[in-house]
Amino acid sequence: YSDVIIYDATAPTTTATVPAYSTTQAVNISVRVTDDYSALGATEMRFSNDNTTWSAWESWANIKSWLLAGATDGTYSVYIQGRDAAGNESTVVNYNVMLEGTVPTGTIGINGGATYTNSVTATLTLSCSDNLSGCAEMRFFTGRNWSAWETYGTSKILDMQPSGEKAINVSVHYRDNAGNQTGTLTDSI
């Protein structure tokens, strides 16, 4: 009679893709636990918000939904650890997630506040303020369609696309790095 057992004293390696920003307390984490020596590979994972109190070990999965420690705006840590079939535990890895549910604020001005223009192009003066993640993108509406999102800047030359002499409204949305978007901000000329 004979039997076989695999000797594995090497810990697995745990890595993850964790969002840098989130607008909700629940975040989806993509987990990867690799183990070159165990025949079954990595089998379990666990999570913590403080590296002291841990979730129970659970079967390894590609995606894990995890609740951050706090529900208010701020930066929160996520700790992850993997374990292989031989019981070896990986080194704990730590990631930070900025939770931000606060919408940025902003303004828009056309041609320095002028009432009239004889040009179809306008110089926009733009302002966006965001306390945590920062302003990231902006897009514009001149009466037809919203433009594609572009990198936030404090000024822009815009073709207003008028169809005859009339008042023209130009609207803007700002979006922060977490994905929070302002309401529609408008100025007229």
C-alpha atoms as a PDB file:
ATOM      1  CA  TYR A   1       0.000   0.000   0.000  1.00  0.00           C
ATOM      2  CA  SER A   2       1.149   3.546  -0.616  1.00  0.00           C
ATOM      3  CA  ASP A   3      -0.101   7.087  -0.363  1.00  0.00           C
ATOM      4  CA  VAL A   4       1.115  10.469  -1.565  1.00  0.00           C
ATOM      5  CA  ILE A   5       1.074  13.852   0.108  1.00  0.00           C
ATOM      6  CA  ILE A   6       2.358  17.110  -1.379  1.00  0.00           C
ATOM      7  CA  TYR A   7       4.752  19.062   0.805  1.00  0.00           C
ATOM      8  CA  ASP A   8       4.208  22.809   0.332  1.00  0.00           C
ATOM      9  CA  ALA A   9       5.799  25.267   2.743  1.00  0.00           C
ATOM     10  CA  THR A  10       5.710  28.271   0.393  1.00  0.00           C
ATOM     11  CA  ALA A  11       3.124  30.957   1.005  1.00  0.00           C
ATOM     12  CA  PRO A  12       0.949  32.115  -1.906  1.00  0.00           C
ATOM     13  CA  THR A  13       1.009  35.672  -3.245  1.00  0.00           C
ATOM     14  CA  THR A  14      -2.055  37.896  -3.006  1.00  0.00           C
ATOM     15  CA  THR A  15      -2.702  40.901  -5.252  1.00  0.00           C
ATOM     16  CA  ALA A  16      -5.887  42.795  -5.977  1.00  0.00           C
ATOM     17  CA  THR A  17      -7.375  45.489  -8.116  1.00  0.00           C
ATOM     18  CA  VAL A  18      -9.143  47.877  -5.772  1.00  0.00           C
ATOM     19  CA  PRO A  19     -10.778  51.103  -7.003  1.00  0.00           C
ATOM     20  CA  ALA A  20      -8.927  54.229  -5.924  1.00  0.00           C
ATOM     21  CA  TYR A  21     -12.255  56.097  -5.605  1.00  0.00           C
ATOM     22  CA  SER A  22     -15.806  55.050  -4.820  1.00  0.00           C
ATOM     23  CA  THR A  23     -19.102  56.895  -4.481  1.00  0.00           C
ATOM     24  CA  THR A  24     -20.604  54.076  -2.373  1.00  0.00           C
ATOM     25  CA  GLN A  25     -19.504  52.217   0.739  1.00  0.00           C
ATOM     26  CA  ALA A  26     -19.588  48.896  -1.160  1.00  0.00           C
ATOM     27  CA  VAL A  27     -16.626  48.330  -3.481  1.00  0.00           C
ATOM     28  CA  ASN A  28     -15.930  45.477  -5.878  1.00  0.00           C
ATOM     29  CA  ILE A  29     -12.455  44.046  -5.472  1.00  0.00           C
ATOM     30  CA  SER A  30     -10.785  41.819  -8.053  1.00  0.00           C
ATOM     31  CA  VAL A  31      -8.601  39.370  -6.128  1.00  0.00           C
ATOM     32  CA  ARG A  32      -5.745  37.242  -7.407  1.00  0.00           C
ATOM     33  CA  VAL A  33      -4.049  34.679  -5.185  1.00  0.00           C
ATOM     34  CA  THR A  34      -1.282  32.735  -6.916  1.00  0.00           C
ATOM     35  CA  ASP A  35       0.499  29.679  -5.596  1.00  0.00           C
ATOM     36  CA  ASP A  36       3.102  27.864  -7.665  1.00  0.00           C
ATOM     37  CA  TYR A  37       3.553  24.899  -5.361  1.00  0.00           C
ATOM     38  CA  SER A  38       0.173  23.680  -4.136  1.00  0.00           C
ATOM     39  CA  ALA A  39      -1.580  21.311  -6.526  1.00  0.00           C
ATOM     40  CA  LEU A  40      -4.924  22.966  -5.866  1.00  0.00           C
ATOM     41  CA  GLY A  41      -3.522  26.493  -5.898  1.00  0.00           C
ATOM     42  CA  ALA A  42      -4.977  29.210  -3.712  1.00  0.00           C
ATOM     43  CA  THR A  43      -8.227  28.157  -2.131  1.00  0.00           C
ATOM     44  CA  GLU A  44      -9.293  30.838   0.351  1.00  0.00           C
ATOM     45  CA  MET A  45      -9.245  34.564   1.052  1.00  0.00           C
ATOM     46  CA  ARG A  46     -10.254  36.934   3.843  1.00  0.00           C
ATOM     47  CA  PHE A  47     -10.698  40.679   4.305  1.00  0.00           C
ATOM     48  CA  SER A  48     -10.357  43.350   6.968  1.00  0.00           C
ATOM     49  CA  ASN A  49     -10.887  47.090   7.332  1.00  0.00           C
ATOM     50  CA  ASP A  50      -8.342  47.492  10.140  1.00  0.00           C
ATOM     51  CA  ASN A  51      -5.898  44.532   9.881  1.00  0.00           C
ATOM     52  CA  THR A  52      -7.147  43.371  13.289  1.00  0.00           C
ATOM     53  CA  THR A  53     -10.717  42.146  12.853  1.00  0.00           C
ATOM     54  CA  TRP A  54     -10.963  39.795   9.868  1.00  0.00           C
ATOM     55  CA  SER A  55     -13.814  38.258   7.932  1.00  0.00           C
ATOM     56  CA  ALA A  56     -14.040  34.468   8.018  1.00  0.00           C
ATOM     57  CA  TRP A  57     -11.951  32.594   5.466  1.00  0.00           C
ATOM     58  CA  GLU A  58     -14.045  32.034   2.348  1.00  0.00           C
ATOM     59  CA  SER A  59     -13.574  30.190  -0.918  1.00  0.00           C
ATOM     60  CA  TRP A  60     -11.475  32.143  -3.346  1.00  0.00           C
ATOM     61  CA  ALA A  61     -13.420  34.084  -6.022  1.00  0.00           C
ATOM     62  CA  ASN A  62     -12.364  36.532  -8.728  1.00  0.00           C
ATOM     63  CA  ILE A  63     -14.588  39.341  -7.463  1.00  0.00           C
ATOM     64  CA  LYS A  64     -15.522  40.229  -3.908  1.00  0.00           C
ATOM     65  CA  SER A  65     -17.964  42.950  -2.857  1.00  0.00           C
ATOM     66  CA  TRP A  66     -16.660  44.553   0.354  1.00  0.00           C
ATOM     67  CA  LEU A  67     -18.057  47.276   2.620  1.00  0.00           C
ATOM     68  CA  LEU A  68     -15.623  50.015   3.614  1.00  0.00           C
ATOM     69  CA  ALA A  69     -15.347  50.781   7.326  1.00  0.00           C
ATOM     70  CA  GLY A  70     -17.040  54.180   7.134  1.00  0.00           C
ATOM     71  CA  ALA A  71     -19.991  55.694   5.355  1.00  0.00           C
ATOM     72  CA  THR A  72     -18.758  59.298   5.325  1.00  0.00           C
ATOM     73  CA  ASP A  73     -16.351  60.867   2.861  1.00  0.00           C
ATOM     74  CA  GLY A  74     -12.736  59.956   3.541  1.00  0.00           C
ATOM     75  CA  THR A  75      -9.982  57.439   2.808  1.00  0.00           C
ATOM     76  CA  TYR A  76     -10.436  53.872   4.026  1.00  0.00           C
ATOM     77  CA  SER A  77      -8.137  50.853   4.027  1.00  0.00           C
ATOM     78  CA  VAL A  78      -8.862  47.337   2.795  1.00  0.00           C
ATOM     79  CA  TYR A  79      -6.606  44.466   3.898  1.00  0.00           C
ATOM     80  CA  ILE A  80      -6.582  41.177   1.973  1.00  0.00           C
ATOM     81  CA  GLN A  81      -4.955  37.829   2.659  1.00  0.00           C
ATOM     82  CA  GLY A  82      -4.977  34.539   0.752  1.00  0.00           C
ATOM     83  CA  ARG A  83      -4.413  30.962   1.886  1.00  0.00           C
ATOM     84  CA  ASP A  84      -3.429  27.904  -0.164  1.00  0.00           C
ATOM     85  CA  ALA A  85      -4.576  24.291   0.117  1.00  0.00           C
ATOM     86  CA  ALA A  86      -1.633  23.446   2.397  1.00  0.00           C
ATOM     87  CA  GLY A  87      -2.693  26.153   4.853  1.00  0.00           C
ATOM     88  CA  ASN A  88       0.067  28.630   4.022  1.00  0.00           C
ATOM     89  CA  GLU A  89      -1.086  32.241   4.378  1.00  0.00           C
ATOM     90  CA  SER A  90       0.085  35.025   2.099  1.00  0.00           C
ATOM     91  CA  THR A  91       1.467  38.308   3.322  1.00  0.00           C
ATOM     92  CA  VAL A  92      -1.325  40.777   4.056  1.00  0.00           C
ATOM     93  CA  VAL A  93      -1.744  43.380   1.301  1.00  0.00           C
ATOM     94  CA  ASN A  94      -3.258  46.800   1.927  1.00  0.00           C
ATOM     95  CA  TYR A  95      -5.113  49.147  -0.438  1.00  0.00           C
ATOM     96  CA  ASN A  96      -6.692  52.550   0.163  1.00  0.00           C
ATOM     97  CA  VAL A  97     -10.035  53.646  -1.254  1.00  0.00           C
ATOM     98  CA  MET A  98     -11.273  57.229  -1.155  1.00  0.00           C
ATOM     99  CA  LEU A  99     -14.999  57.247  -0.456  1.00  0.00           C
ATOM    100  CA  GLU A 100     -16.651  60.383  -1.776  1.00  0.00           C
ATOM    101  CA  GLY A 101     -20.361  60.909  -2.180  1.00  0.00           C
ATOM    102  CA  THR A 102     -20.229  64.702  -2.212  1.00  0.00           C
ATOM    103  CA  VAL A 103     -20.958  66.291  -5.572  1.00  0.00           C
ATOM    104  CA  PRO A 104     -18.482  68.926  -6.793  1.00  0.00           C
ATOM    105  CA  THR A 105     -19.581  72.522  -7.288  1.00  0.00           C
ATOM    106  CA  GLY A 106     -18.782  74.858 -10.153  1.00  0.00           C
ATOM    107  CA  THR A 107     -19.487  77.869 -12.315  1.00  0.00           C
ATOM    108  CA  ILE A 108     -19.405  78.811 -15.984  1.00  0.00           C
ATOM    109  CA  GLY A 109     -18.993  82.235 -17.606  1.00  0.00           C
ATOM    110  CA  ILE A 110     -19.125  83.198 -21.291  1.00  0.00           C
ATOM    111  CA  ASN A 111     -16.799  85.900 -22.689  1.00  0.00           C
ATOM    112  CA  GLY A 112     -16.094  87.400 -19.272  1.00  0.00           C
ATOM    113  CA  GLY A 113     -19.774  88.017 -18.538  1.00  0.00           C
ATOM    114  CA  ALA A 114     -20.511  89.919 -21.785  1.00  0.00           C
ATOM    115  CA  THR A 115     -24.152  90.313 -22.780  1.00  0.00           C
ATOM    116  CA  TYR A 116     -23.569  90.306 -26.561  1.00  0.00           C
ATOM    117  CA  THR A 117     -21.086  88.881 -29.043  1.00  0.00           C
ATOM    118  CA  ASN A 118     -20.684  88.947 -32.817  1.00  0.00           C
ATOM    119  CA  SER A 119     -18.610  85.754 -32.872  1.00  0.00           C
ATOM    120  CA  VAL A 120     -19.846  82.156 -33.087  1.00  0.00           C
ATOM    121  CA  THR A 121     -17.011  81.097 -30.794  1.00  0.00           C
ATOM    122  CA  ALA A 122     -16.941  81.879 -27.098  1.00  0.00           C
ATOM    123  CA  THR A 123     -14.284  81.874 -24.430  1.00  0.00           C
ATOM    124  CA  LEU A 124     -15.602  80.008 -21.413  1.00  0.00           C
ATOM    125  CA  THR A 125     -14.302  80.707 -17.928  1.00  0.00           C
ATOM    126  CA  LEU A 126     -14.751  77.540 -15.892  1.00  0.00           C
ATOM    127  CA  SER A 127     -14.494  76.767 -12.215  1.00  0.00           C
ATOM    128  CA  CYS A 128     -14.931  73.440 -10.437  1.00  0.00           C
ATOM    129  CA  SER A 129     -14.315  72.740  -6.762  1.00  0.00           C
ATOM    130  CA  ASP A 130     -14.105  69.349  -5.087  1.00  0.00           C
ATOM    131  CA  ASN A 131     -12.746  68.820  -1.583  1.00  0.00           C
ATOM    132  CA  LEU A 132     -11.547  65.204  -1.792  1.00  0.00           C
ATOM    133  CA  SER A 133     -10.855  63.465  -5.069  1.00  0.00           C
ATOM    134  CA  GLY A 134     -10.553  66.596  -7.226  1.00  0.00           C
ATOM    135  CA  CYS A 135     -12.281  67.722 -10.406  1.00  0.00           C
ATOM    136  CA  ALA A 136     -11.472  65.419 -13.296  1.00  0.00           C
ATOM    137  CA  GLU A 137     -13.708  65.998 -16.312  1.00  0.00           C
ATOM    138  CA  MET A 138     -16.189  68.340 -17.965  1.00  0.00           C
ATOM    139  CA  ARG A 139     -18.632  68.270 -20.872  1.00  0.00           C
ATOM    140  CA  PHE A 140     -20.705  70.899 -22.670  1.00  0.00           C
ATOM    141  CA  PHE A 141     -24.155  71.384 -24.177  1.00  0.00           C
ATOM    142  CA  THR A 142     -25.035  74.102 -26.678  1.00  0.00           C
ATOM    143  CA  GLY A 143     -28.552  73.027 -27.618  1.00  0.00           C
ATOM    144  CA  ARG A 144     -27.947  69.851 -29.602  1.00  0.00           C
ATOM    145  CA  ASN A 145     -26.036  67.112 -27.784  1.00  0.00           C
ATOM    146  CA  TRP A 146     -23.724  66.826 -24.827  1.00  0.00           C
ATOM    147  CA  SER A 147     -20.079  66.737 -25.899  1.00  0.00           C
ATOM    148  CA  ALA A 148     -17.815  63.868 -24.890  1.00  0.00           C
ATOM    149  CA  TRP A 149     -16.210  64.073 -21.462  1.00  0.00           C
ATOM    150  CA  GLU A 150     -12.809  65.787 -21.525  1.00  0.00           C
ATOM    151  CA  THR A 151     -10.151  66.677 -18.981  1.00  0.00           C
ATOM    152  CA  TYR A 152     -11.178  69.521 -16.683  1.00  0.00           C
ATOM    153  CA  GLY A 153      -9.645  72.923 -17.411  1.00  0.00           C
ATOM    154  CA  THR A 154     -10.346  76.474 -16.294  1.00  0.00           C
ATOM    155  CA  SER A 155     -10.997  77.855 -19.793  1.00  0.00           C
ATOM    156  CA  LYS A 156     -12.181  76.631 -23.178  1.00  0.00           C
ATOM    157  CA  ILE A 157     -12.833  78.049 -26.626  1.00  0.00           C
ATOM    158  CA  LEU A 158     -16.202  76.688 -27.756  1.00  0.00           C
ATOM    159  CA  ASP A 159     -18.135  76.868 -31.032  1.00  0.00           C
ATOM    160  CA  MET A 160     -21.629  77.804 -29.859  1.00  0.00           C
ATOM    161  CA  GLN A 161     -23.243  76.581 -33.124  1.00  0.00           C
ATOM    162  CA  PRO A 162     -25.924  79.310 -33.311  1.00  0.00           C
ATOM    163  CA  SER A 163     -28.800  79.079 -35.781  1.00  0.00           C
ATOM    164  CA  GLY A 164     -29.519  82.737 -36.252  1.00  0.00           C
ATOM    165  CA  GLU A 165     -29.266  85.712 -33.953  1.00  0.00           C
ATOM    166  CA  LYS A 166     -30.640  84.812 -30.542  1.00  0.00           C
ATOM    167  CA  ALA A 167     -29.715  84.162 -26.943  1.00  0.00           C
ATOM    168  CA  ILE A 168     -27.448  81.136 -26.663  1.00  0.00           C
ATOM    169  CA  ASN A 169     -27.217  78.972 -23.571  1.00  0.00           C
ATOM    170  CA  VAL A 170     -24.034  77.026 -22.856  1.00  0.00           C
ATOM    171  CA  SER A 171     -24.220  74.368 -20.164  1.00  0.00           C
ATOM    172  CA  VAL A 172     -21.522  72.364 -18.403  1.00  0.00           C
ATOM    173  CA  HIS A 173     -21.301  69.292 -16.190  1.00  0.00           C
ATOM    174  CA  TYR A 174     -18.257  68.682 -14.017  1.00  0.00           C
ATOM    175  CA  ARG A 175     -17.316  65.251 -12.708  1.00  0.00           C
ATOM    176  CA  ASP A 176     -14.826  64.437  -9.946  1.00  0.00           C
ATOM    177  CA  ASN A 177     -12.367  61.527  -9.840  1.00  0.00           C
ATOM    178  CA  ALA A 178     -14.844  59.449  -7.814  1.00  0.00           C
ATOM    179  CA  GLY A 179     -17.487  59.853 -10.548  1.00  0.00           C
ATOM    180  CA  ASN A 180     -19.783  62.361  -8.800  1.00  0.00           C
ATOM    181  CA  GLN A 181     -21.345  64.779 -11.284  1.00  0.00           C
ATOM    182  CA  THR A 182     -22.671  68.302 -10.794  1.00  0.00           C
ATOM    183  CA  GLY A 183     -26.102  69.315 -11.909  1.00  0.00           C
ATOM    184  CA  THR A 184     -26.337  71.354 -15.102  1.00  0.00           C
ATOM    185  CA  LEU A 185     -24.651  74.764 -14.815  1.00  0.00           C
ATOM    186  CA  THR A 186     -25.611  77.303 -17.498  1.00  0.00           C
ATOM    187  CA  ASP A 187     -24.676  80.765 -18.716  1.00  0.00           C
ATOM    188  CA  SER A 188     -26.153  82.754 -21.630  1.00  0.00           C
ATOM    189  CA  ILE A 189     -24.982  85.290 -24.168  1.00  0.00           C
END
